[in-house]
Amino acid sequence: MDSDEKNRLRQRRWQENRALKGDKRINVYLSPEAMDHLESITQIKHWTKREAIEFALMELAKNVTDD
């Protein structure tokens, strides 16, 4: 098995494990301004982009109502 095959297998296992945990994959395009904010937050808080996005969504969800 060459290194490309090993990498594909590793990635597939990782993706399958995330899916089993209930995680969902999304792909998004952010505006340059939003991306700047995301990068600033991750640097200041020492978070991953995932951690910053999840935190932001959880905080926003606390304040959203079904008006």
Protein backbone atom coordinates (compact mmCIF):
# COMPACT_ATOMS: atom_id res chain seq x y z
CA MET A 1 0.00 0.00 0.00
CA ASP A 2 1.55 3.31 -1.05
CA SER A 3 1.37 6.51 0.98
CA ASP A 4 -1.54 7.92 -1.09
CA GLU A 5 -3.62 4.82 -0.40
CA LYS A 6 -2.74 4.93 3.30
CA ASN A 7 -3.77 8.57 3.45
CA ARG A 8 -7.10 7.91 1.71
CA LEU A 9 -7.82 5.05 4.11
CA ARG A 10 -6.90 7.17 7.13
CA GLN A 11 -9.12 10.00 5.94
CA ARG A 12 -12.03 7.67 5.23
CA ARG A 13 -11.78 6.11 8.69
CA TRP A 14 -11.61 9.55 10.29
CA GLN A 15 -14.68 10.72 8.34
CA GLU A 16 -16.59 7.55 9.21
CA ASN A 17 -15.77 7.95 12.90
CA ARG A 18 -16.94 11.59 12.84
CA ALA A 19 -20.19 10.52 11.16
CA LEU A 20 -20.74 7.79 13.76
CA LYS A 21 -20.43 10.47 16.45
CA GLY A 22 -23.20 12.40 14.72
CA ASP A 23 -21.00 15.15 13.30
CA LYS A 24 -22.07 16.68 9.98
CA ARG A 25 -19.73 18.04 7.34
CA ILE A 26 -20.44 21.41 5.76
CA ASN A 27 -18.61 23.48 3.17
CA VAL A 28 -19.11 27.23 3.15
CA TYR A 29 -17.77 30.29 1.41
CA LEU A 30 -17.16 33.22 3.73
CA SER A 31 -16.80 36.84 2.81
CA PRO A 32 -13.30 38.25 3.27
CA GLU A 33 -14.54 40.24 6.27
CA ALA A 34 -16.09 37.20 7.94
CA MET A 35 -12.92 35.18 7.28
CA ASP A 36 -10.81 37.95 8.85
CA HIS A 37 -13.01 37.79 11.95
CA LEU A 38 -12.75 34.01 12.10
CA GLU A 39 -8.97 34.11 11.81
CA SER A 40 -8.72 36.84 14.47
CA ILE A 41 -10.90 34.86 16.88
CA THR A 42 -8.93 31.66 16.37
CA GLN A 43 -5.64 33.45 16.99
CA ILE A 44 -6.82 35.34 20.07
CA LYS A 45 -8.64 32.41 21.69
CA HIS A 46 -6.25 29.68 20.44
CA TRP A 47 -9.24 27.82 19.02
CA THR A 48 -9.61 25.83 15.86
CA LYS A 49 -11.95 27.22 13.22
CA ARG A 50 -14.39 24.49 14.14
CA GLU A 51 -14.32 25.49 17.81
CA ALA A 52 -14.89 29.15 16.95
CA ILE A 53 -17.78 28.41 14.59
CA GLU A 54 -19.43 25.98 16.99
CA PHE A 55 -19.11 28.46 19.86
CA ALA A 56 -20.57 31.27 17.75
CA LEU A 57 -23.51 29.11 16.67
CA MET A 58 -24.24 27.94 20.20
CA GLU A 59 -24.16 31.51 21.52
CA LEU A 60 -26.35 32.77 18.68
CA ALA A 61 -28.85 29.96 19.27
CA LYS A 62 -29.29 31.14 22.89
CA ASN A 63 -30.55 34.49 21.63
CA VAL A 64 -32.67 33.50 18.65
CA THR A 65 -36.41 33.29 19.07
CA ASP A 66 -39.19 32.09 16.79
CA ASP A 67 -40.85 35.50 16.39
